[in-house]
Amino acid sequence: MGRKSSSQNKGQGALDKAKVKAKEAIGAVTAGDKQKKSEGALDKVKGKAKEAIGALTGNEEKKAEGRSEQTKGTAKDKLGKVKDLLK
């Protein structure tokens, strides 16, 4: 009664392979979420620098570009956090 048929063994093998693939996929998504958050932080820092340079030089276009980049960074950061919540 402890022996499994060959079809049961094949089914278990397929299930094990599917579990491994699922874990790999989850790992890839997690890495992508972390990347989004770090990209967001980088965009925010670059944006603040551009805005400061624009303010120092009186370049309104550079200030606006900096604010835009900060907004983009905030959006990426929030997207990464939402993906973390959905896990």
C-alpha atoms as a PDB file:
ATOM      1  CA  MET A   1       0.000   0.000   0.000  1.00  0.00           C
ATOM      2  CA  GLY A   2       3.003   2.288   0.450  1.00  0.00           C
ATOM      3  CA  ARG A   3       4.019   2.043  -3.204  1.00  0.00           C
ATOM      4  CA  LYS A   4       2.909   4.628  -5.739  1.00  0.00           C
ATOM      5  CA  SER A   5       2.187   3.813  -9.334  1.00  0.00           C
ATOM      6  CA  SER A   6       4.483   5.246 -11.993  1.00  0.00           C
ATOM      7  CA  SER A   7       1.777   7.720 -13.066  1.00  0.00           C
ATOM      8  CA  GLN A   8       1.552   9.033  -9.481  1.00  0.00           C
ATOM      9  CA  ASN A   9       5.343   9.466  -9.391  1.00  0.00           C
ATOM     10  CA  LYS A  10       5.275  11.354 -12.709  1.00  0.00           C
ATOM     11  CA  GLY A  11       2.466  13.570 -11.419  1.00  0.00           C
ATOM     12  CA  GLN A  12       4.423  14.334  -8.245  1.00  0.00           C
ATOM     13  CA  GLY A  13       7.516  15.158 -10.301  1.00  0.00           C
ATOM     14  CA  ALA A  14       5.553  17.575 -12.457  1.00  0.00           C
ATOM     15  CA  LEU A  15       4.090  19.193  -9.344  1.00  0.00           C
ATOM     16  CA  ASP A  16       7.563  19.613  -7.841  1.00  0.00           C
ATOM     17  CA  LYS A  17       8.829  21.237 -11.046  1.00  0.00           C
ATOM     18  CA  ALA A  18       5.852  23.606 -11.071  1.00  0.00           C
ATOM     19  CA  LYS A  19       6.564  24.625  -7.470  1.00  0.00           C
ATOM     20  CA  VAL A  20      10.191  25.414  -8.339  1.00  0.00           C
ATOM     21  CA  LYS A  21       9.117  27.519 -11.341  1.00  0.00           C
ATOM     22  CA  ALA A  22       6.609  29.416  -9.197  1.00  0.00           C
ATOM     23  CA  LYS A  23       9.242  30.192  -6.573  1.00  0.00           C
ATOM     24  CA  GLU A  24      11.631  31.430  -9.276  1.00  0.00           C
ATOM     25  CA  ALA A  25       8.923  33.677 -10.719  1.00  0.00           C
ATOM     26  CA  ILE A  26       8.123  35.128  -7.300  1.00  0.00           C
ATOM     27  CA  GLY A  27      11.814  35.847  -6.748  1.00  0.00           C
ATOM     28  CA  ALA A  28      12.003  37.707 -10.051  1.00  0.00           C
ATOM     29  CA  VAL A  29       8.972  39.852  -9.153  1.00  0.00           C
ATOM     30  CA  THR A  30      10.428  40.677  -5.734  1.00  0.00           C
ATOM     31  CA  ALA A  31      13.707  41.782  -7.299  1.00  0.00           C
ATOM     32  CA  GLY A  32      11.779  43.969  -9.761  1.00  0.00           C
ATOM     33  CA  ASP A  33       9.836  45.640  -6.943  1.00  0.00           C
ATOM     34  CA  LYS A  34      13.033  46.479  -5.092  1.00  0.00           C
ATOM     35  CA  GLN A  35      14.483  47.843  -8.300  1.00  0.00           C
ATOM     36  CA  LYS A  36      11.429  50.083  -8.808  1.00  0.00           C
ATOM     37  CA  LYS A  37      11.777  51.505  -5.307  1.00  0.00           C
ATOM     38  CA  SER A  38      15.509  52.144  -5.712  1.00  0.00           C
ATOM     39  CA  GLU A  39      14.938  53.711  -9.148  1.00  0.00           C
ATOM     40  CA  GLY A  40      12.289  55.897  -7.553  1.00  0.00           C
ATOM     41  CA  ALA A  41      14.660  57.036  -4.835  1.00  0.00           C
ATOM     42  CA  LEU A  42      17.346  57.793  -7.405  1.00  0.00           C
ATOM     43  CA  ASP A  43      14.909  59.795  -9.540  1.00  0.00           C
ATOM     44  CA  LYS A  44      13.859  61.819  -6.499  1.00  0.00           C
ATOM     45  CA  VAL A  45      17.476  62.660  -5.628  1.00  0.00           C
ATOM     46  CA  LYS A  46      18.304  63.617  -9.222  1.00  0.00           C
ATOM     47  CA  GLY A  47      15.170  65.730  -9.371  1.00  0.00           C
ATOM     48  CA  LYS A  48      16.042  67.596  -6.186  1.00  0.00           C
ATOM     49  CA  ALA A  49      19.524  68.279  -7.530  1.00  0.00           C
ATOM     50  CA  LYS A  50      18.156  69.610 -10.831  1.00  0.00           C
ATOM     51  CA  GLU A  51      15.637  71.762  -9.008  1.00  0.00           C
ATOM     52  CA  ALA A  52      18.371  73.204  -6.776  1.00  0.00           C
ATOM     53  CA  ILE A  53      20.623  73.924  -9.756  1.00  0.00           C
ATOM     54  CA  GLY A  54      17.712  75.594 -11.503  1.00  0.00           C
ATOM     55  CA  ALA A  55      17.007  77.723  -8.448  1.00  0.00           C
ATOM     56  CA  LEU A  56      20.656  78.757  -8.105  1.00  0.00           C
ATOM     57  CA  THR A  57      21.017  79.679 -11.768  1.00  0.00           C
ATOM     58  CA  GLY A  58      17.538  81.149 -12.166  1.00  0.00           C
ATOM     59  CA  ASN A  59      16.705  78.529 -14.818  1.00  0.00           C
ATOM     60  CA  GLU A  60      12.953  77.932 -14.482  1.00  0.00           C
ATOM     61  CA  GLU A  61      13.008  75.142 -17.064  1.00  0.00           C
ATOM     62  CA  LYS A  62      15.608  73.198 -15.040  1.00  0.00           C
ATOM     63  CA  LYS A  63      13.569  73.704 -11.861  1.00  0.00           C
ATOM     64  CA  ALA A  64      10.450  72.348 -13.573  1.00  0.00           C
ATOM     65  CA  GLU A  65      12.431  69.405 -14.945  1.00  0.00           C
ATOM     66  CA  GLY A  66      13.634  68.642 -11.420  1.00  0.00           C
ATOM     67  CA  ARG A  67      10.118  68.750  -9.974  1.00  0.00           C
ATOM     68  CA  SER A  68       8.914  66.474 -12.764  1.00  0.00           C
ATOM     69  CA  GLU A  69      11.682  63.968 -12.071  1.00  0.00           C
ATOM     70  CA  GLN A  70      10.841  63.989  -8.359  1.00  0.00           C
ATOM     71  CA  THR A  71       7.207  63.229  -9.183  1.00  0.00           C
ATOM     72  CA  LYS A  72       8.287  60.366 -11.437  1.00  0.00           C
ATOM     73  CA  GLY A  73      10.458  59.004  -8.620  1.00  0.00           C
ATOM     74  CA  THR A  74       7.607  59.211  -6.127  1.00  0.00           C
ATOM     75  CA  ALA A  75       5.346  57.304  -8.530  1.00  0.00           C
ATOM     76  CA  LYS A  76       7.935  54.522  -9.013  1.00  0.00           C
ATOM     77  CA  ASP A  77       8.462  54.287  -5.266  1.00  0.00           C
ATOM     78  CA  LYS A  78       4.726  53.991  -4.590  1.00  0.00           C
ATOM     79  CA  LEU A  79       4.333  51.405  -7.354  1.00  0.00           C
ATOM     80  CA  GLY A  80       6.994  49.263  -5.695  1.00  0.00           C
ATOM     81  CA  LYS A  81       5.262  49.598  -2.317  1.00  0.00           C
ATOM     82  CA  VAL A  82       1.865  48.640  -3.764  1.00  0.00           C
ATOM     83  CA  LYS A  83       3.394  45.550  -5.372  1.00  0.00           C
ATOM     84  CA  ASP A  84       4.874  44.633  -1.977  1.00  0.00           C
ATOM     85  CA  LEU A  85       1.426  44.882  -0.386  1.00  0.00           C
ATOM     86  CA  LEU A  86      -0.112  42.622  -3.009  1.00  0.00           C
ATOM     87  CA  LYS A  87       2.265  39.753  -2.254  1.00  0.00           C
END
